[in-house]
Amino acid sequence: MRYWDTLLEEQRNGVTVIVDKTWEDCSIRDLFDESCCDIEDLERKVNRGDLDWFMLRARVMYMDLELGSEICGGFLYEDAREVLRDGMAEDLIWQAEEQAKKQLPELIEGLLRVEVDKLAV
């Protein structure tokens, strides 16, 4: 089971927006090379907890129903909450909202066809 740590949960335009993070599965070596940085030093800092190496997820929810989501990995920050200030989280939120916009008309139409009286109790 994967654990997600919530960085943001707020109401926006009638839906709940959640941004959370989990550990990154990829090795730092898979996404960085020695030409830009000291990989061993980065690995030590991540292992000591000085740097956070993670995947970020944004979800758009309505009453615990996920309407849209987006996940992106390879984030390396001293503090994961920086993504809430530098625009990275907002980019993922926008993508999740775009998914939600596409799904909502079909979802609403489908819900209107549900025969509530005939649902099993």
N, C-alpha and C. Protein backbone atom coordinates (compact mmCIF):
# COMPACT_ATOMS: atom_id res chain seq x y z
N MET A 1 0.85 -1.18 0.00
CA MET A 1 0.00 0.00 0.00
C MET A 1 0.89 1.24 0.00
N ARG A 2 0.50 2.22 -0.75
CA ARG A 2 1.24 3.47 -0.85
C ARG A 2 0.61 4.50 0.07
N TYR A 3 1.44 5.20 0.82
CA TYR A 3 0.97 6.25 1.73
C TYR A 3 1.13 7.61 1.05
N TRP A 4 0.10 8.43 1.12
CA TRP A 4 0.14 9.78 0.58
C TRP A 4 0.05 10.78 1.72
N ASP A 5 0.93 11.76 1.72
CA ASP A 5 0.97 12.81 2.74
C ASP A 5 0.33 14.06 2.15
N THR A 6 -0.76 14.52 2.75
CA THR A 6 -1.50 15.67 2.23
C THR A 6 -0.74 16.97 2.48
N LEU A 7 -0.54 17.73 1.41
CA LEU A 7 0.10 19.04 1.49
C LEU A 7 -0.93 20.16 1.47
N LEU A 8 -2.07 19.92 0.80
CA LEU A 8 -3.11 20.94 0.66
C LEU A 8 -4.45 20.25 0.48
N GLU A 9 -5.46 20.76 1.17
CA GLU A 9 -6.84 20.34 0.95
C GLU A 9 -7.70 21.57 1.15
N GLU A 10 -8.38 21.98 0.07
CA GLU A 10 -9.21 23.18 0.16
C GLU A 10 -10.37 23.12 -0.81
N GLN A 11 -11.38 23.93 -0.53
CA GLN A 11 -12.55 24.03 -1.39
C GLN A 11 -12.29 25.10 -2.46
N ARG A 12 -12.60 24.75 -3.70
CA ARG A 12 -12.49 25.70 -4.82
C ARG A 12 -13.67 25.48 -5.75
N ASN A 13 -14.45 26.49 -5.96
CA ASN A 13 -15.54 26.44 -6.94
C ASN A 13 -16.44 25.23 -6.77
N GLY A 14 -16.74 24.87 -5.54
CA GLY A 14 -17.68 23.80 -5.27
C GLY A 14 -17.09 22.40 -5.24
N VAL A 15 -15.78 22.27 -5.42
CA VAL A 15 -15.13 20.96 -5.35
C VAL A 15 -13.99 21.04 -4.33
N THR A 16 -13.51 19.87 -3.92
CA THR A 16 -12.37 19.81 -3.03
C THR A 16 -11.13 19.53 -3.85
N VAL A 17 -10.10 20.33 -3.65
CA VAL A 17 -8.81 20.14 -4.31
C VAL A 17 -7.84 19.60 -3.26
N ILE A 18 -7.21 18.48 -3.59
CA ILE A 18 -6.24 17.87 -2.69
C ILE A 18 -4.92 17.71 -3.43
N VAL A 19 -3.84 18.16 -2.78
CA VAL A 19 -2.49 17.95 -3.29
C VAL A 19 -1.77 17.13 -2.24
N ASP A 20 -1.21 15.99 -2.69
CA ASP A 20 -0.47 15.16 -1.75
C ASP A 20 0.78 14.60 -2.42
N LYS A 21 1.65 14.02 -1.59
CA LYS A 21 2.90 13.49 -2.10
C LYS A 21 3.15 12.10 -1.53
N THR A 22 3.98 11.36 -2.24
CA THR A 22 4.45 10.06 -1.77
C THR A 22 5.89 9.90 -2.24
N TRP A 23 6.56 8.89 -1.71
CA TRP A 23 7.96 8.68 -2.09
C TRP A 23 8.08 8.41 -3.58
N GLU A 24 9.22 8.77 -4.13
CA GLU A 24 9.50 8.55 -5.55
C GLU A 24 10.08 7.16 -5.72
N ASP A 25 9.55 6.41 -6.68
CA ASP A 25 10.04 5.06 -6.96
C ASP A 25 11.33 5.05 -7.77
N CYS A 26 11.50 6.03 -8.63
CA CYS A 26 12.69 6.09 -9.49
C CYS A 26 13.92 6.49 -8.67
N SER A 27 15.03 6.00 -9.11
CA SER A 27 16.30 6.40 -8.51
C SER A 27 16.65 7.81 -8.96
N ILE A 28 17.30 8.54 -8.10
CA ILE A 28 17.78 9.88 -8.48
C ILE A 28 18.69 9.76 -9.69
N ARG A 29 19.46 8.69 -9.75
CA ARG A 29 20.38 8.46 -10.89
C ARG A 29 19.64 8.33 -12.21
N ASP A 30 18.36 7.92 -12.16
CA ASP A 30 17.58 7.77 -13.40
C ASP A 30 17.13 9.11 -13.97
N LEU A 31 17.12 10.14 -13.15
CA LEU A 31 16.60 11.43 -13.61
C LEU A 31 17.63 12.56 -13.60
N PHE A 32 18.75 12.35 -12.93
CA PHE A 32 19.82 13.35 -12.90
C PHE A 32 21.10 12.67 -13.35
N ASP A 33 22.06 13.46 -13.81
CA ASP A 33 23.35 12.87 -14.12
C ASP A 33 24.47 13.72 -13.51
N GLU A 34 25.66 13.15 -13.50
CA GLU A 34 26.81 13.79 -12.84
C GLU A 34 27.19 15.13 -13.47
N SER A 35 26.74 15.40 -14.69
CA SER A 35 27.10 16.67 -15.34
C SER A 35 26.42 17.86 -14.68
N CYS A 36 25.32 17.61 -13.97
CA CYS A 36 24.59 18.72 -13.36
C CYS A 36 24.76 18.78 -11.84
N CYS A 37 25.07 17.63 -11.23
CA CYS A 37 25.14 17.62 -9.78
C CYS A 37 25.85 16.36 -9.28
N ASP A 38 26.17 16.37 -8.01
CA ASP A 38 26.81 15.24 -7.35
C ASP A 38 25.72 14.27 -6.90
N ILE A 39 25.51 13.21 -7.66
CA ILE A 39 24.43 12.27 -7.40
C ILE A 39 24.57 11.62 -6.02
N GLU A 40 25.77 11.21 -5.67
CA GLU A 40 25.97 10.57 -4.37
C GLU A 40 25.61 11.51 -3.22
N ASP A 41 25.95 12.79 -3.38
CA ASP A 41 25.60 13.78 -2.35
C ASP A 41 24.07 13.93 -2.25
N LEU A 42 23.39 13.98 -3.38
CA LEU A 42 21.93 14.08 -3.37
C LEU A 42 21.31 12.85 -2.70
N GLU A 43 21.83 11.67 -3.03
CA GLU A 43 21.31 10.45 -2.41
C GLU A 43 21.51 10.46 -0.90
N ARG A 44 22.68 10.90 -0.45
CA ARG A 44 22.93 10.99 1.00
C ARG A 44 21.94 11.95 1.65
N LYS A 45 21.73 13.11 1.02
CA LYS A 45 20.81 14.11 1.59
C LYS A 45 19.38 13.59 1.64
N VAL A 46 18.96 12.85 0.63
CA VAL A 46 17.62 12.27 0.65
C VAL A 46 17.54 11.22 1.77
N ASN A 47 18.54 10.37 1.87
CA ASN A 47 18.53 9.32 2.88
C ASN A 47 18.58 9.88 4.30
N ARG A 48 19.22 11.04 4.49
CA ARG A 48 19.28 11.69 5.81
C ARG A 48 18.02 12.49 6.10
N GLY A 49 17.22 12.77 5.08
CA GLY A 49 16.02 13.57 5.27
C GLY A 49 16.25 15.06 5.05
N ASP A 50 17.42 15.41 4.51
CA ASP A 50 17.71 16.82 4.22
C ASP A 50 17.01 17.28 2.94
N LEU A 51 16.75 16.35 2.04
CA LEU A 51 16.01 16.63 0.81
C LEU A 51 14.84 15.66 0.72
N ASP A 52 13.78 16.12 0.08
CA ASP A 52 12.58 15.31 -0.11
C ASP A 52 12.51 14.90 -1.58
N TRP A 53 12.48 13.61 -1.87
CA TRP A 53 12.44 13.06 -3.23
C TRP A 53 11.08 12.39 -3.37
N PHE A 54 10.19 12.95 -4.20
CA PHE A 54 8.79 12.51 -4.15
C PHE A 54 8.05 12.65 -5.47
N MET A 55 6.88 12.01 -5.49
CA MET A 55 5.89 12.20 -6.55
C MET A 55 4.78 13.07 -5.98
N LEU A 56 4.20 13.87 -6.84
CA LEU A 56 3.15 14.79 -6.43
C LEU A 56 1.86 14.42 -7.16
N ARG A 57 0.74 14.50 -6.44
CA ARG A 57 -0.56 14.19 -7.03
C ARG A 57 -1.53 15.32 -6.70
N ALA A 58 -2.33 15.69 -7.68
CA ALA A 58 -3.42 16.66 -7.47
C ALA A 58 -4.72 15.95 -7.82
N ARG A 59 -5.74 16.12 -6.96
CA ARG A 59 -7.04 15.51 -7.21
C ARG A 59 -8.13 16.54 -7.05
N VAL A 60 -9.15 16.40 -7.87
CA VAL A 60 -10.36 17.23 -7.78
C VAL A 60 -11.48 16.28 -7.38
N MET A 61 -12.11 16.56 -6.24
CA MET A 61 -13.09 15.65 -5.65
C MET A 61 -14.43 16.36 -5.43
N TYR A 62 -15.48 15.56 -5.49
CA TYR A 62 -16.79 16.03 -5.07
C TYR A 62 -17.42 14.90 -4.26
N MET A 63 -17.69 15.17 -2.99
CA MET A 63 -18.29 14.17 -2.09
C MET A 63 -17.54 12.83 -2.18
N ASP A 64 -16.25 12.86 -2.04
CA ASP A 64 -15.38 11.68 -2.07
C ASP A 64 -15.34 10.98 -3.43
N LEU A 65 -15.87 11.59 -4.45
CA LEU A 65 -15.79 11.06 -5.81
C LEU A 65 -14.70 11.81 -6.55
N GLU A 66 -13.72 11.08 -7.06
CA GLU A 66 -12.63 11.72 -7.79
C GLU A 66 -13.10 12.06 -9.20
N LEU A 67 -13.06 13.35 -9.52
CA LEU A 67 -13.47 13.82 -10.84
C LEU A 67 -12.29 13.95 -11.80
N GLY A 68 -11.11 14.17 -11.25
CA GLY A 68 -9.92 14.31 -12.06
C GLY A 68 -8.69 14.22 -11.18
N SER A 69 -7.59 13.73 -11.76
CA SER A 69 -6.34 13.67 -11.01
C SER A 69 -5.15 13.70 -11.96
N GLU A 70 -4.03 14.09 -11.43
CA GLU A 70 -2.79 14.12 -12.19
C GLU A 70 -1.65 13.80 -11.23
N ILE A 71 -0.69 13.00 -11.70
CA ILE A 71 0.48 12.63 -10.90
C ILE A 71 1.73 12.92 -11.72
N CYS A 72 2.73 13.45 -11.05
CA CYS A 72 4.02 13.71 -11.69
C CYS A 72 5.12 13.39 -10.67
N GLY A 73 6.21 12.84 -11.12
CA GLY A 73 7.28 12.46 -10.22
C GLY A 73 8.58 13.19 -10.49
N GLY A 74 9.58 12.82 -9.70
CA GLY A 74 10.91 13.38 -9.87
C GLY A 74 11.12 14.72 -9.18
N PHE A 75 10.37 14.99 -8.13
CA PHE A 75 10.51 16.25 -7.41
C PHE A 75 11.58 16.11 -6.33
N LEU A 76 12.48 17.07 -6.28
CA LEU A 76 13.55 17.08 -5.29
C LEU A 76 13.59 18.47 -4.66
N TYR A 77 13.15 18.55 -3.41
CA TYR A 77 13.04 19.83 -2.71
C TYR A 77 13.58 19.67 -1.28
N GLU A 78 14.03 20.77 -0.72
CA GLU A 78 14.37 20.76 0.71
C GLU A 78 13.11 20.60 1.54
N ASP A 79 12.03 21.21 1.10
CA ASP A 79 10.74 21.12 1.78
C ASP A 79 9.67 20.92 0.71
N ALA A 80 8.98 19.79 0.76
CA ALA A 80 7.98 19.47 -0.26
C ALA A 80 6.91 20.54 -0.39
N ARG A 81 6.65 21.28 0.68
CA ARG A 81 5.61 22.32 0.63
C ARG A 81 5.97 23.48 -0.29
N GLU A 82 7.22 23.54 -0.72
CA GLU A 82 7.63 24.58 -1.68
C GLU A 82 6.82 24.48 -2.97
N VAL A 83 6.35 23.26 -3.32
CA VAL A 83 5.56 23.11 -4.56
C VAL A 83 4.26 23.89 -4.50
N LEU A 84 3.83 24.23 -3.28
CA LEU A 84 2.60 25.01 -3.12
C LEU A 84 2.85 26.49 -3.39
N ARG A 85 4.11 26.89 -3.41
CA ARG A 85 4.46 28.30 -3.61
C ARG A 85 5.11 28.59 -4.97
N ASP A 86 5.68 27.57 -5.60
CA ASP A 86 6.45 27.83 -6.83
C ASP A 86 5.69 27.56 -8.12
N GLY A 87 4.42 27.18 -8.02
CA GLY A 87 3.61 26.98 -9.22
C GLY A 87 3.48 25.53 -9.66
N MET A 88 4.31 24.63 -9.13
CA MET A 88 4.24 23.24 -9.55
C MET A 88 2.90 22.60 -9.20
N ALA A 89 2.44 22.80 -7.97
CA ALA A 89 1.16 22.23 -7.56
C ALA A 89 0.02 22.81 -8.39
N GLU A 90 0.07 24.11 -8.63
CA GLU A 90 -1.01 24.74 -9.41
C GLU A 90 -1.08 24.19 -10.82
N ASP A 91 0.06 23.84 -11.41
CA ASP A 91 0.06 23.22 -12.74
C ASP A 91 -0.67 21.88 -12.71
N LEU A 92 -0.39 21.07 -11.70
CA LEU A 92 -1.05 19.77 -11.59
C LEU A 92 -2.54 19.93 -11.27
N ILE A 93 -2.86 20.90 -10.43
CA ILE A 93 -4.27 21.17 -10.11
C ILE A 93 -5.02 21.55 -11.38
N TRP A 94 -4.43 22.41 -12.19
CA TRP A 94 -5.07 22.82 -13.45
C TRP A 94 -5.35 21.61 -14.33
N GLN A 95 -4.37 20.70 -14.43
CA GLN A 95 -4.56 19.50 -15.26
C GLN A 95 -5.68 18.62 -14.70
N ALA A 96 -5.73 18.47 -13.38
CA ALA A 96 -6.80 17.68 -12.75
C ALA A 96 -8.15 18.34 -12.97
N GLU A 97 -8.20 19.66 -12.88
CA GLU A 97 -9.46 20.38 -13.12
C GLU A 97 -9.92 20.22 -14.56
N GLU A 98 -8.99 20.21 -15.50
CA GLU A 98 -9.36 20.01 -16.91
C GLU A 98 -9.97 18.63 -17.11
N GLN A 99 -9.41 17.61 -16.45
CA GLN A 99 -10.01 16.27 -16.52
C GLN A 99 -11.42 16.29 -15.95
N ALA A 100 -11.57 16.95 -14.81
CA ALA A 100 -12.89 17.02 -14.16
C ALA A 100 -13.91 17.70 -15.08
N LYS A 101 -13.51 18.77 -15.74
CA LYS A 101 -14.43 19.48 -16.64
C LYS A 101 -14.92 18.57 -17.76
N LYS A 102 -14.03 17.72 -18.26
CA LYS A 102 -14.41 16.80 -19.34
C LYS A 102 -15.36 15.72 -18.85
N GLN A 103 -15.18 15.26 -17.62
CA GLN A 103 -15.99 14.16 -17.09
C GLN A 103 -17.33 14.60 -16.55
N LEU A 104 -17.43 15.82 -16.07
CA LEU A 104 -18.65 16.26 -15.39
C LEU A 104 -19.92 16.17 -16.23
N PRO A 105 -19.94 16.64 -17.46
CA PRO A 105 -21.20 16.55 -18.22
C PRO A 105 -21.70 15.11 -18.36
N GLU A 106 -20.81 14.17 -18.65
CA GLU A 106 -21.21 12.77 -18.79
C GLU A 106 -21.66 12.20 -17.44
N LEU A 107 -20.97 12.56 -16.39
CA LEU A 107 -21.33 12.10 -15.05
C LEU A 107 -22.72 12.61 -14.66
N ILE A 108 -22.97 13.89 -14.88
CA ILE A 108 -24.27 14.48 -14.54
C ILE A 108 -25.38 13.80 -15.34
N GLU A 109 -25.14 13.63 -16.62
CA GLU A 109 -26.14 12.98 -17.48
C GLU A 109 -26.42 11.56 -16.99
N GLY A 110 -25.38 10.84 -16.63
CA GLY A 110 -25.55 9.48 -16.14
C GLY A 110 -26.28 9.43 -14.81
N LEU A 111 -25.96 10.34 -13.92
CA LEU A 111 -26.63 10.37 -12.61
C LEU A 111 -28.12 10.68 -12.75
N LEU A 112 -28.46 11.51 -13.71
CA LEU A 112 -29.87 11.84 -13.91
C LEU A 112 -30.68 10.63 -14.39
N ARG A 113 -30.01 9.63 -14.96
CA ARG A 113 -30.70 8.42 -15.42
C ARG A 113 -30.83 7.36 -14.33
N VAL A 114 -30.16 7.56 -13.22
CA VAL A 114 -30.22 6.56 -12.13
C VAL A 114 -31.62 6.57 -11.53
N GLU A 115 -32.19 5.39 -11.41
CA GLU A 115 -33.51 5.25 -10.82
C GLU A 115 -33.32 4.96 -9.33
N VAL A 116 -33.32 6.03 -8.55
CA VAL A 116 -33.02 5.94 -7.13
C VAL A 116 -33.96 5.01 -6.40
N ASP A 117 -35.24 5.05 -6.75
CA ASP A 117 -36.24 4.21 -6.07
C ASP A 117 -35.95 2.72 -6.26
N LYS A 118 -35.25 2.36 -7.31
CA LYS A 118 -35.00 0.94 -7.60
C LYS A 118 -33.65 0.45 -7.08
N LEU A 119 -32.89 1.32 -6.43
CA LEU A 119 -31.61 0.90 -5.89
C LEU A 119 -31.83 0.02 -4.67
N ALA A 120 -31.02 -1.02 -4.55
CA ALA A 120 -31.13 -1.93 -3.39
C ALA A 120 -30.68 -1.20 -2.14
N VAL A 121 -31.30 -1.53 -1.05
CA VAL A 121 -30.96 -0.89 0.24
C VAL A 121 -30.03 -1.79 1.01
